[in-house]
Amino acid sequence: MTPASALPAVISFLSDYGRRDEFVGVCHGVMVRRCPTARIIDLTHEIPRHDVLTGAIVLRAALSYMPAAVHLAVVDPGVGTSRRRAVALRTAEQGRLLVGPDNGLLMPAAESLGGVAEAIDIGDSPERLQPVSATFHGRDIFAPVAAALAAGEPLADVGKPLAPAGLQCLELPRARIDAGALEAHVLQCDVFGNVILGASADQLEALAAQPGDLLAVSHAGTTHAARYALAFADVPAGELLVYVDSRGSVALALNRGSAADLLGAGRGDQLLVRPG
């Protein structure tokens, strides 16, 4: 376990705030006021509004590329209600500190690092700003607590202990091989229109597919031919491909186009991938 005081004063920050309004900048200001030496890394503030699942997937994917740090994530449709808590967690591996709402957002990232070793409720943290807005806990609770942790405050001093087993989990769709086909659900469609599935490279290999093979992709009653490729340009422009993306997930792309538009696929949709 890495003590908070041994972590560098680095805070990564992910949210669905966007950049049009002052929300991100205000959170930066709050953090730097509390920890003037803090270096803040903005992962993204373009998570689709209120989309906890996408935020969780992006946070998990990014965490292994971040330095040892405090990781602040705010996608919080339940802000200000009694249905969700504000929490800070320490992961069992690497001692990473995660700060955000207890709505499942933090849990896939924590589980990728061995689970939660320690958790606290920070709703009444002595570090919170006063008065606390019912609609902007990012500014009034999460940002000052993240900054306090980056400044070396012990986790136990910024909140009240929680049993990790009581934290809200997030169920991610699971892919399976059935009757010679990979059955998977769409986790996310990225800015390029690539369709990321909840399936791993190992599951694609279970189809005995090799790069260059032709596959059949079925969605909503329509089947499309797709080439199993390693890179987008391995197929001609306008052709569909199946590939393993930079996160290790099975994905579909249209070279120089949008696979999401071609397939008419969105998050949660089921697709079948089978040898062509």
Foldseek 3Di string as FASTA:
>chain_A
DDALQRFAQEEEEEAQQDDPDCQVVLLVVLLCVLPVVHDYHYQYNNDHALPLLVLLVSCLLCVVVDGQAEYEYERPPPFLDPPKFWKWFFAPAPRHIYTYILAASPAVNSVVRVHTPWMFGQRVFPQFDPPDDSPRCSNGTRSSVRSVSSNRDGRVRGGHTDDSVPGHHDDDWAWDADPLKIKWFFSAQDPQQKTWTNAFPVRVCVSVDDQQFWKWKDFPHDIDIEGAHDDLVVDDAQGKYWYQDPSRTIIIQHRVHHPCVVRVGDGGTMMIMHGD
